[in-house]
Amino acid sequence: MKKIGLIVGASFLAGAVFFALSFGFLQKTVNHEPVIAPAAASAEALPAQPATAAAAPGSFVAIVRKVKPAVVKVVSESVVERRSMFGDDFFDQFFNAPRRQEKRSGAGSGFFISADGYILTNNHVVQDAVKVKIYDIDKKEYAAKVIGTDPKTDLALLKVNAKDVPFIALGDSNAVEVGEWVLAIGNPFNQDLTVTSGIISAKGRQLGMAQYEDFLQTDASINMGNSGGPLINMKGEAIGINSTILTPSQGSIGIGFAIPTNMAKKVVADLKSKGKVVRGWFGIQIGDISEGDAKDLDLQSGGVLVQRVEDNSPAQKAGLKRYDLIVAINGREVKSAADLQMEVANSAPGDEVSVTIYRNRDKQVLKVKVTEAPEAAREQAAAESKGLNLGMTLVKNTPALAREYELKTSRGLVVENVDRDGQAAENGIKPGDVILAVNRTEVDSVEQFRRILAGRRAGSMVLLLVNRDGDEVYLRFALPE
């Protein structure tokens, strides 16, 4: 069962992919081995061939010359907590063991997608990074800014301060055919700018590793460190972003997966303009129906069965009902729940979508006005509150959230998480607390909370009115340095 616009459970898998997931054989291809110095600073990159050199007939030389200068190495640095020798939080707390932090480096790949320095890569390459460096084909180093990330597709958009850089155009991944030639370019195992070739082995793979998936499968060799690099067609366009391999040994066995560029185009556009990805939402839970199941249930063969309609959702307002069979959206055939999910997610809030259904074998067309997924605002607020440097995550309280957490009020801001060693924890703030007022001003949004504290000097006192299990208490603490 999948919920459109909400968190989706892992896809049902079959055969080798199910076996691989069961035994942990699917690997994201980012190299997290410790890095003492960037490999790009110590290893010779493959030199670009002179433009006048003739390419051998039937070779990939001309394509490689065209696209290789746009591929980069992405080195990210993050800070992680090192567990105690016991490796258990209970022992850490019992013995009051200090939490040690250590730096961790990871190396992956990426590629320029515009002349002004935008770079596309995987989210897992830069996840939780505090610093990101880019190395181009000439080993020139850039400090990169993370414009935005989208864990739901495992994509990230970076930007460096550069002009007139070589870039790779994003092609039409929907036009890709199984059996056509492709090239994978990246930095496997810190081997700079390696090119491998293969074919498209399959399309539309669902692996259950991200919420929105439509992977291209290829037998072009992809290994650790290739994450974020381009999958190139014979026109010299990127039609995929290499992401994951199926392997029992962290090495390539010829089963690699790339995120299609048509999915990436929307992500890039939204991250550039909004800093986040805005997806459409119907408000239904759905499931695939096989021909055999459809026959048993006296339903039209094929399509996607509506299993639940959310209250006050766009679907409910449009008249969709449980047991409706969705067979098309905007005139395009819907063959699976994944197809429908992608179509809805790629629509914009405010769009009116035509949905073709069968209800008791009667064909109907309903108009659904898409809205933004309701958890999107909650996720955005949580992301904003992390920047307050107080060691807690806040989200706006709502009646639905109050019911979920069994809170005594639906006002204020809910404390969802508290860092154990953060300022909030040191001053007695707990998960489930509801902040009603800051410095005697009632608050109803994370942005308002931020504005109240903006510009106040480090060390100045903050007074919080907190609802805790129905009781209102005051907590005081000093703003951190």
Protein backbone atom coordinates (compact mmCIF):
# COMPACT_ATOMS: atom_id res chain seq x y z
CA MET A 1 0.00 0.00 0.00
CA LYS A 2 1.28 3.44 -0.92
CA LYS A 3 0.10 6.85 0.21
CA ILE A 4 0.27 9.56 -2.44
CA GLY A 5 2.29 12.51 -1.17
CA LEU A 6 3.00 10.92 2.21
CA ILE A 7 5.71 8.57 3.37
CA VAL A 8 5.61 5.48 1.20
CA GLY A 9 6.53 2.03 2.35
CA ALA A 10 9.11 -0.09 0.57
CA SER A 11 8.01 -1.38 -2.80
CA PHE A 12 7.25 -5.05 -3.13
CA LEU A 13 10.26 -6.55 -4.88
CA ALA A 14 10.76 -9.83 -6.66
CA GLY A 15 13.54 -12.13 -7.60
CA ALA A 16 17.12 -10.97 -7.20
CA VAL A 17 16.29 -7.44 -6.01
CA PHE A 18 14.16 -8.78 -3.13
CA PHE A 19 16.99 -11.15 -2.23
CA ALA A 20 19.47 -8.31 -2.40
CA LEU A 21 17.44 -6.07 -0.09
CA SER A 22 16.90 -8.91 2.35
CA PHE A 23 20.64 -9.45 2.72
CA GLY A 24 21.77 -5.84 2.41
CA PHE A 25 23.29 -6.17 -1.05
CA LEU A 26 22.01 -2.85 -2.39
CA GLN A 27 24.76 -0.29 -1.90
CA LYS A 28 24.70 3.44 -2.44
CA THR A 29 27.85 4.18 -4.34
CA VAL A 30 29.51 6.84 -2.22
CA ASN A 31 32.99 6.18 -0.89
CA HIS A 32 33.04 6.77 2.88
CA GLU A 33 36.55 5.51 3.48
CA PRO A 34 38.66 7.94 5.59
CA VAL A 35 40.27 10.59 3.43
CA ILE A 36 43.58 12.04 4.64
CA ALA A 37 43.94 14.30 1.63
CA PRO A 38 41.62 14.64 -1.38
CA ALA A 39 42.49 11.97 -3.90
CA ALA A 40 42.15 14.50 -6.67
CA ALA A 41 45.12 16.36 -5.19
CA SER A 42 47.36 13.31 -5.22
CA ALA A 43 46.36 11.33 -8.29
CA GLU A 44 46.85 12.38 -11.90
CA ALA A 45 43.56 12.96 -13.70
CA LEU A 46 43.22 11.57 -17.19
CA PRO A 47 44.34 14.36 -19.57
CA ALA A 48 41.83 15.74 -22.04
CA GLN A 49 42.52 14.62 -25.60
CA PRO A 50 43.40 17.32 -28.16
CA ALA A 51 40.38 18.46 -30.14
CA THR A 52 42.23 17.75 -33.37
CA ALA A 53 42.88 14.08 -32.65
CA ALA A 54 40.75 11.77 -34.77
CA ALA A 55 38.41 9.37 -32.99
CA ALA A 56 38.47 5.73 -34.01
CA PRO A 57 35.34 4.71 -35.94
CA GLY A 58 32.71 3.20 -33.66
CA SER A 59 34.41 4.36 -30.45
CA PHE A 60 33.10 6.60 -27.67
CA VAL A 61 36.06 8.99 -27.85
CA ALA A 62 34.17 11.98 -29.27
CA ILE A 63 31.43 11.72 -26.64
CA VAL A 64 33.92 11.35 -23.80
CA ARG A 65 35.87 14.40 -25.00
CA LYS A 66 32.65 16.38 -24.97
CA VAL A 67 31.33 15.48 -21.52
CA LYS A 68 34.31 14.48 -19.39
CA PRO A 69 35.40 18.06 -18.50
CA ALA A 70 32.01 18.64 -16.85
CA VAL A 71 32.32 15.72 -14.40
CA VAL A 72 33.65 16.55 -10.92
CA LYS A 73 34.74 14.88 -7.71
CA VAL A 74 32.62 15.76 -4.66
CA VAL A 75 34.38 15.52 -1.26
CA SER A 76 32.14 16.10 1.75
CA GLU A 77 33.06 16.47 5.40
CA SER A 78 30.62 15.69 8.20
CA VAL A 79 30.84 15.49 11.99
CA VAL A 80 29.63 12.30 13.65
CA GLU A 81 29.44 11.13 17.23
CA ARG A 82 31.75 8.28 18.14
CA ARG A 83 30.15 5.73 20.42
CA SER A 84 31.80 4.44 23.55
CA MET A 85 33.84 1.26 23.67
CA PHE A 86 30.62 -0.50 24.73
CA GLY A 87 28.77 0.81 21.68
CA ASP A 88 25.62 1.27 23.73
CA ASP A 89 23.76 4.39 24.85
CA PHE A 90 22.86 2.71 28.17
CA PHE A 91 26.52 2.32 29.14
CA ASP A 92 27.28 5.84 27.94
CA GLN A 93 24.63 7.26 30.25
CA PHE A 94 25.32 4.94 33.16
CA PHE A 95 29.03 5.77 33.22
CA ASN A 96 28.43 9.40 32.17
CA ALA A 97 30.77 8.80 29.24
CA PRO A 98 31.47 11.93 27.16
CA ARG A 99 30.18 11.94 23.59
CA ARG A 100 33.13 12.34 21.27
CA GLN A 101 32.81 13.87 17.87
CA GLU A 102 35.02 13.10 14.93
CA LYS A 103 35.21 14.27 11.35
CA ARG A 104 34.25 11.91 8.56
CA SER A 105 34.98 12.39 4.87
CA GLY A 106 33.23 10.89 1.88
CA ALA A 107 34.00 11.08 -1.83
CA GLY A 108 31.52 10.83 -4.66
CA SER A 109 30.85 12.33 -8.05
CA GLY A 110 28.77 15.03 -9.66
CA PHE A 111 28.54 17.04 -12.86
CA PHE A 112 27.96 20.62 -13.95
CA ILE A 113 24.50 21.15 -15.43
CA SER A 114 24.89 24.84 -16.31
CA ALA A 115 27.68 27.26 -17.22
CA ASP A 116 27.21 29.27 -14.02
CA GLY A 117 28.37 26.48 -11.72
CA TYR A 118 25.33 24.42 -10.68
CA ILE A 119 26.22 20.78 -9.93
CA LEU A 120 23.90 17.78 -9.68
CA THR A 121 24.81 14.89 -7.37
CA ASN A 122 23.18 12.42 -4.95
CA ASN A 123 21.78 13.47 -1.61
CA HIS A 124 23.65 10.67 0.14
CA VAL A 125 26.96 12.08 -1.14
CA VAL A 126 26.50 15.34 0.81
CA GLN A 127 24.05 14.29 3.53
CA ASP A 128 24.78 16.04 6.86
CA ALA A 129 27.88 17.65 5.34
CA VAL A 130 29.36 20.69 7.09
CA LYS A 131 31.78 21.34 4.24
CA VAL A 132 31.73 20.33 0.55
CA LYS A 133 34.63 20.67 -1.87
CA ILE A 134 34.58 20.18 -5.62
CA TYR A 135 37.54 19.15 -7.83
CA ASP A 136 37.23 19.58 -11.58
CA ILE A 137 39.12 17.80 -14.38
CA ASP A 138 42.07 20.17 -13.91
CA LYS A 139 42.09 19.49 -10.15
CA LYS A 140 40.96 23.01 -9.43
CA GLU A 141 39.31 23.16 -6.01
CA TYR A 142 36.01 24.94 -5.33
CA ALA A 143 34.07 25.44 -2.12
CA ALA A 144 30.50 24.35 -2.86
CA LYS A 145 27.27 25.62 -1.38
CA VAL A 146 24.45 23.12 -0.92
CA ILE A 147 21.49 24.83 -2.60
CA GLY A 148 19.12 22.09 -1.52
CA THR A 149 18.65 18.37 -1.07
CA ASP A 150 15.77 15.99 -1.75
CA PRO A 151 16.11 12.74 0.22
CA LYS A 152 12.87 11.46 -1.34
CA THR A 153 14.65 11.10 -4.69
CA ASP A 154 18.24 11.00 -3.34
CA LEU A 155 19.23 14.12 -5.29
CA ALA A 156 21.13 17.26 -4.28
CA LEU A 157 21.93 20.55 -6.01
CA LEU A 158 25.24 22.30 -5.35
CA LYS A 159 26.64 25.63 -6.55
CA VAL A 160 30.21 26.89 -6.94
CA ASN A 161 31.39 30.38 -7.72
CA ALA A 162 32.40 29.89 -11.35
CA LYS A 163 31.59 31.15 -14.83
CA ASP A 164 31.60 29.56 -18.25
CA VAL A 165 32.27 26.05 -16.94
CA PRO A 166 31.69 23.07 -19.27
CA PHE A 167 28.36 21.41 -18.53
CA ILE A 168 26.24 18.44 -19.58
CA ALA A 169 22.69 18.91 -20.86
CA LEU A 170 19.94 16.89 -19.20
CA GLY A 171 18.35 14.71 -21.87
CA ASP A 172 14.94 13.06 -22.12
CA SER A 173 15.16 9.91 -20.01
CA ASN A 174 11.66 8.87 -21.10
CA ALA A 175 12.99 8.42 -24.64
CA VAL A 176 15.66 5.93 -23.50
CA GLU A 177 15.24 2.41 -24.88
CA VAL A 178 16.36 -0.84 -23.30
CA GLY A 179 19.42 -2.04 -25.17
CA GLU A 180 20.89 1.35 -26.14
CA TRP A 181 24.48 2.25 -25.35
CA VAL A 182 25.34 4.40 -22.31
CA LEU A 183 28.50 5.61 -20.55
CA ALA A 184 28.98 6.00 -16.80
CA ILE A 185 31.53 8.58 -15.65
CA GLY A 186 32.69 9.16 -12.11
CA ASN A 187 35.37 8.59 -9.47
CA PRO A 188 35.13 4.94 -8.33
CA PHE A 189 37.34 4.11 -5.36
CA ASN A 190 39.02 7.55 -5.73
CA GLN A 191 40.16 6.72 -9.27
CA ASP A 192 39.54 10.09 -10.89
CA LEU A 193 37.24 10.43 -13.90
CA THR A 194 36.80 6.84 -14.94
CA VAL A 195 34.63 6.03 -17.97
CA THR A 196 32.78 2.73 -18.37
CA SER A 197 30.33 1.58 -21.04
CA GLY A 198 27.29 -0.65 -21.18
CA ILE A 199 23.65 -0.67 -22.17
CA ILE A 200 20.33 0.17 -20.57
CA SER A 201 19.30 -3.15 -19.05
CA ALA A 202 15.83 -2.18 -17.82
CA LYS A 203 13.62 0.80 -17.01
CA GLY A 204 11.24 1.66 -14.17
CA ARG A 205 12.99 -0.30 -11.43
CA GLN A 206 11.58 0.06 -7.90
CA LEU A 207 14.11 -0.76 -5.16
CA GLY A 208 12.44 0.58 -2.01
CA MET A 209 15.42 2.80 -1.14
CA ALA A 210 13.77 6.19 -1.72
CA GLN A 211 10.19 7.43 -1.67
CA TYR A 212 10.11 8.30 -5.38
CA GLU A 213 11.84 5.79 -7.64
CA ASP A 214 11.90 5.06 -11.35
CA PHE A 215 15.46 3.77 -11.79
CA LEU A 216 17.22 3.04 -15.05
CA GLN A 217 19.20 -0.20 -14.77
CA THR A 218 22.54 -0.51 -16.57
CA ASP A 219 25.43 -2.95 -16.84
CA ALA A 220 27.94 -0.11 -17.27
CA SER A 221 30.38 -0.64 -14.40
CA ILE A 222 29.41 1.47 -11.36
CA ASN A 223 31.31 1.23 -8.09
CA MET A 224 31.77 2.99 -4.75
CA GLY A 225 32.56 6.64 -5.51
CA ASN A 226 30.44 6.76 -8.70
CA SER A 227 27.44 8.18 -6.84
CA GLY A 228 26.22 11.40 -8.41
CA GLY A 229 28.07 10.94 -11.70
CA PRO A 230 26.23 11.09 -15.03
CA LEU A 231 24.90 8.26 -17.16
CA ILE A 232 25.46 9.49 -20.72
CA ASN A 233 23.61 8.60 -23.93
CA MET A 234 25.14 8.58 -27.41
CA LYS A 235 24.11 12.23 -27.95
CA GLY A 236 26.37 13.29 -25.09
CA GLU A 237 23.41 14.06 -22.82
CA ALA A 238 22.93 12.94 -19.23
CA ILE A 239 19.91 10.67 -19.02
CA GLY A 240 20.60 9.43 -15.48
CA ILE A 241 22.40 10.14 -12.21
CA ASN A 242 24.28 7.05 -11.00
CA SER A 243 23.17 6.14 -7.51
CA THR A 244 23.02 2.51 -6.43
CA ILE A 245 24.39 -0.94 -7.22
CA LEU A 246 23.27 -4.44 -6.44
CA THR A 247 26.29 -6.31 -5.11
CA PRO A 248 27.35 -8.81 -2.43
CA SER A 249 30.85 -7.34 -2.22
CA GLN A 250 30.66 -3.53 -2.74
CA GLY A 251 32.03 -4.08 -6.23
CA SER A 252 30.25 -3.99 -9.58
CA ILE A 253 28.57 -7.17 -10.83
CA GLY A 254 26.90 -5.38 -13.74
CA ILE A 255 23.68 -4.36 -12.00
CA GLY A 256 23.69 -0.61 -11.43
CA PHE A 257 20.90 1.93 -11.10
CA ALA A 258 20.59 5.57 -12.12
CA ILE A 259 17.95 8.18 -11.27
CA PRO A 260 16.34 9.32 -14.55
CA THR A 261 16.97 12.93 -15.53
CA ASN A 262 13.29 13.66 -16.16
CA MET A 263 12.77 13.15 -12.43
CA ALA A 264 15.82 15.32 -11.69
CA LYS A 265 14.60 18.24 -13.83
CA LYS A 266 11.70 19.05 -11.49
CA VAL A 267 13.92 18.63 -8.43
CA VAL A 268 16.54 21.01 -9.84
CA ALA A 269 13.94 23.62 -10.82
CA ASP A 270 12.28 23.55 -7.39
CA LEU A 271 15.54 23.62 -5.44
CA LYS A 272 16.74 26.60 -7.48
CA SER A 273 13.54 28.61 -7.08
CA LYS A 274 12.21 27.51 -3.68
CA GLY A 275 15.04 25.75 -1.85
CA LYS A 276 12.80 22.69 -1.49
CA VAL A 277 10.83 20.33 -3.72
CA VAL A 278 7.09 21.00 -3.87
CA ARG A 279 5.01 17.98 -4.87
CA GLY A 280 1.35 17.48 -5.56
CA TRP A 281 -0.93 15.50 -3.23
CA PHE A 282 -4.21 13.66 -3.71
CA GLY A 283 -4.73 12.24 -0.24
CA ILE A 284 -5.31 8.58 -1.09
CA GLN A 285 -3.78 5.24 -0.25
CA ILE A 286 -3.52 2.88 -3.20
CA GLY A 287 -2.46 -0.60 -4.18
CA ASP A 288 -1.69 -2.50 -7.37
CA ILE A 289 -4.30 -4.88 -8.72
CA SER A 290 -3.27 -7.84 -10.84
CA GLU A 291 -5.51 -9.25 -13.55
CA GLY A 292 -6.29 -12.24 -11.36
CA ASP A 293 -7.21 -10.07 -8.37
CA ALA A 294 -9.34 -7.82 -10.59
CA LYS A 295 -11.25 -10.83 -11.90
CA ASP A 296 -11.83 -12.17 -8.38
CA LEU A 297 -13.11 -8.78 -7.24
CA ASP A 298 -15.23 -8.24 -10.37
CA LEU A 299 -13.19 -5.17 -11.31
CA GLN A 300 -11.98 -3.81 -14.61
CA SER A 301 -8.66 -5.51 -15.36
CA GLY A 302 -5.51 -3.58 -14.47
CA GLY A 303 -5.06 -0.21 -12.83
CA VAL A 304 -4.64 0.94 -9.25
CA LEU A 305 -7.17 0.35 -6.46
CA VAL A 306 -8.08 3.18 -4.08
CA GLN A 307 -7.86 1.67 -0.61
CA ARG A 308 -8.46 4.78 1.47
CA VAL A 309 -9.43 8.43 0.94
CA GLU A 310 -8.16 10.98 3.46
CA ASP A 311 -10.71 13.28 5.08
CA ASN A 312 -10.88 16.76 3.57
CA SER A 313 -8.35 15.80 0.89
CA PRO A 314 -8.37 16.83 -2.79
CA ALA A 315 -9.44 13.29 -3.68
CA GLN A 316 -12.42 13.38 -1.33
CA LYS A 317 -13.49 16.81 -2.60
CA ALA A 318 -13.33 15.50 -6.18
CA GLY A 319 -15.54 12.52 -5.34
CA LEU A 320 -13.02 9.65 -5.32
CA LYS A 321 -14.10 6.73 -3.16
CA ARG A 322 -12.64 3.59 -1.68
CA TYR A 323 -12.58 0.69 -4.20
CA ASP A 324 -12.44 3.04 -7.20
CA LEU A 325 -10.07 1.67 -9.84
CA ILE A 326 -7.81 4.36 -11.34
CA VAL A 327 -6.76 3.49 -14.90
CA ALA A 328 -5.48 6.81 -16.29
CA ILE A 329 -4.36 10.28 -15.27
CA ASN A 330 -4.50 13.17 -17.74
CA GLY A 331 -5.22 10.57 -20.42
CA ARG A 332 -2.04 8.56 -19.71
CA GLU A 333 -2.46 4.93 -18.74
CA VAL A 334 -1.68 4.06 -15.14
CA LYS A 335 -0.23 0.57 -14.85
CA SER A 336 0.99 0.61 -11.24
CA ALA A 337 0.80 2.50 -7.97
CA ALA A 338 4.31 3.79 -8.66
CA ASP A 339 3.12 5.29 -11.98
CA LEU A 340 0.28 7.13 -10.25
CA GLN A 341 2.49 8.29 -7.42
CA MET A 342 5.02 9.81 -9.83
CA GLU A 343 2.30 11.52 -11.92
CA VAL A 344 0.74 13.15 -8.86
CA ALA A 345 4.08 14.12 -7.31
CA ASN A 346 5.21 15.79 -10.53
CA SER A 347 2.11 17.96 -10.69
CA ALA A 348 2.11 21.39 -9.06
CA PRO A 349 -0.22 22.51 -6.26
CA GLY A 350 -3.19 24.18 -7.91
CA ASP A 351 -3.15 21.98 -11.02
CA GLU A 352 -6.43 20.32 -12.00
CA VAL A 353 -5.81 16.71 -12.95
CA SER A 354 -8.15 14.43 -14.90
CA VAL A 355 -8.48 11.01 -13.29
CA THR A 356 -10.15 8.17 -15.19
CA ILE A 357 -11.70 5.57 -12.94
CA TYR A 358 -13.95 2.52 -12.99
CA ARG A 359 -16.57 2.35 -10.24
CA ASN A 360 -18.47 -0.90 -10.32
CA ARG A 361 -17.40 -1.23 -13.98
CA ASP A 362 -18.86 2.21 -14.79
CA LYS A 363 -16.24 4.47 -16.38
CA GLN A 364 -15.98 8.04 -15.04
CA VAL A 365 -13.60 10.98 -15.34
CA LEU A 366 -13.09 13.08 -12.20
CA LYS A 367 -11.27 16.39 -11.85
CA VAL A 368 -8.91 16.57 -8.85
CA LYS A 369 -7.40 19.91 -7.83
CA VAL A 370 -3.96 19.02 -6.51
CA THR A 371 -2.61 20.60 -3.30
CA GLU A 372 0.77 20.50 -1.61
CA ALA A 373 1.37 17.52 0.66
CA PRO A 374 0.39 18.58 4.21
CA GLU A 375 3.60 17.28 5.76
CA ALA A 376 5.67 19.51 3.47
CA ALA A 377 5.10 22.60 5.63
CA ARG A 378 5.92 20.56 8.72
CA GLU A 379 9.16 19.31 7.17
CA GLN A 380 10.11 22.84 6.14
CA ALA A 381 9.48 24.19 9.65
CA ALA A 382 11.57 21.41 11.15
CA ALA A 383 14.41 22.19 8.75
CA GLU A 384 14.26 25.89 9.63
CA SER A 385 14.29 25.25 13.38
CA LYS A 386 17.52 23.25 13.11
CA GLY A 387 19.25 26.50 12.19
CA LEU A 388 18.44 28.07 15.56
CA ASN A 389 21.45 26.37 17.15
CA LEU A 390 19.48 25.56 20.31
CA GLY A 391 19.66 21.78 19.95
CA MET A 392 15.98 21.15 19.29
CA THR A 393 13.61 20.69 16.36
CA LEU A 394 10.34 22.64 16.38
CA VAL A 395 7.21 22.30 14.26
CA LYS A 396 3.99 24.29 14.25
CA ASN A 397 1.30 22.66 16.38
CA THR A 398 -1.99 21.68 14.74
CA PRO A 399 -5.08 19.77 15.90
CA ALA A 400 -3.88 16.74 13.92
CA LEU A 401 -0.42 16.91 15.48
CA ALA A 402 -1.91 17.38 18.94
CA ARG A 403 -3.94 14.20 18.47
CA GLU A 404 -0.87 12.34 17.17
CA TYR A 405 1.23 13.30 20.20
CA GLU A 406 -1.72 13.26 22.66
CA LEU A 407 -1.00 16.87 23.58
CA LYS A 408 -3.24 18.95 25.82
CA THR A 409 -3.22 21.92 23.46
CA SER A 410 -3.15 22.58 19.71
CA ARG A 411 -1.45 25.99 20.05
CA GLY A 412 2.21 26.96 19.87
CA LEU A 413 5.25 25.00 18.65
CA VAL A 414 5.90 21.33 19.37
CA VAL A 415 9.39 20.23 20.40
CA GLU A 416 9.84 17.12 18.25
CA ASN A 417 13.49 16.31 18.99
CA VAL A 418 16.10 17.45 21.51
CA ASP A 419 19.84 16.93 21.10
CA ARG A 420 21.18 15.27 24.24
CA ASP A 421 24.13 17.65 24.54
CA GLY A 422 22.39 20.76 23.17
CA GLN A 423 21.35 24.01 24.82
CA ALA A 424 17.70 22.98 25.02
CA ALA A 425 18.42 19.72 26.87
CA GLU A 426 20.75 21.47 29.31
CA ASN A 427 17.91 23.80 30.27
CA GLY A 428 15.25 21.15 30.76
CA ILE A 429 13.38 21.23 27.45
CA LYS A 430 11.97 17.83 26.52
CA PRO A 431 10.44 16.22 23.40
CA GLY A 432 6.67 16.74 23.53
CA ASP A 433 6.93 20.14 25.21
CA VAL A 434 4.81 22.82 23.54
CA ILE A 435 6.32 26.32 23.47
CA LEU A 436 3.46 28.80 23.80
CA ALA A 437 5.39 32.07 24.16
CA VAL A 438 8.91 33.46 23.83
CA ASN A 439 9.90 36.50 25.89
CA ARG A 440 6.20 37.12 26.72
CA THR A 441 5.15 36.99 23.04
CA GLU A 442 2.85 34.17 21.95
CA VAL A 443 4.25 32.19 18.99
CA ASP A 444 2.45 30.19 16.32
CA SER A 445 5.19 29.64 13.71
CA VAL A 446 8.84 28.66 13.60
CA GLU A 447 9.58 31.79 11.56
CA GLN A 448 8.10 33.99 14.30
CA PHE A 449 10.23 32.17 16.87
CA ARG A 450 13.29 32.90 14.75
CA ARG A 451 12.40 36.58 14.36
CA ILE A 452 12.01 37.08 18.09
CA LEU A 453 15.49 35.67 18.75
CA ALA A 454 17.16 37.23 15.69
CA GLY A 455 19.76 39.84 16.54
CA ARG A 456 19.83 39.14 20.27
CA ARG A 457 23.31 38.97 21.68
CA ALA A 458 24.89 35.72 22.84
CA GLY A 459 24.36 35.19 26.55
CA SER A 460 21.09 37.17 26.71
CA MET A 461 18.24 35.51 28.56
CA VAL A 462 15.29 33.85 26.84
CA LEU A 463 12.03 33.17 28.71
CA LEU A 464 9.83 30.37 27.38
CA LEU A 465 6.25 29.59 28.39
CA VAL A 466 5.90 25.82 27.93
CA ASN A 467 2.88 23.54 28.11
CA ARG A 468 4.01 20.18 29.49
CA ASP A 469 1.37 17.50 29.97
CA GLY A 470 -1.28 20.21 30.43
CA ASP A 471 0.69 22.24 32.96
CA GLU A 472 2.21 25.60 32.01
CA VAL A 473 5.77 26.17 33.20
CA TYR A 474 8.42 28.83 32.57
CA LEU A 475 11.91 27.89 31.43
CA ARG A 476 14.83 30.29 31.20
CA PHE A 477 18.15 29.88 29.38
CA ALA A 478 20.93 32.00 27.86
CA LEU A 479 21.43 32.15 24.10
CA PRO A 480 24.52 30.16 23.10
CA GLU A 481 27.69 31.74 21.74
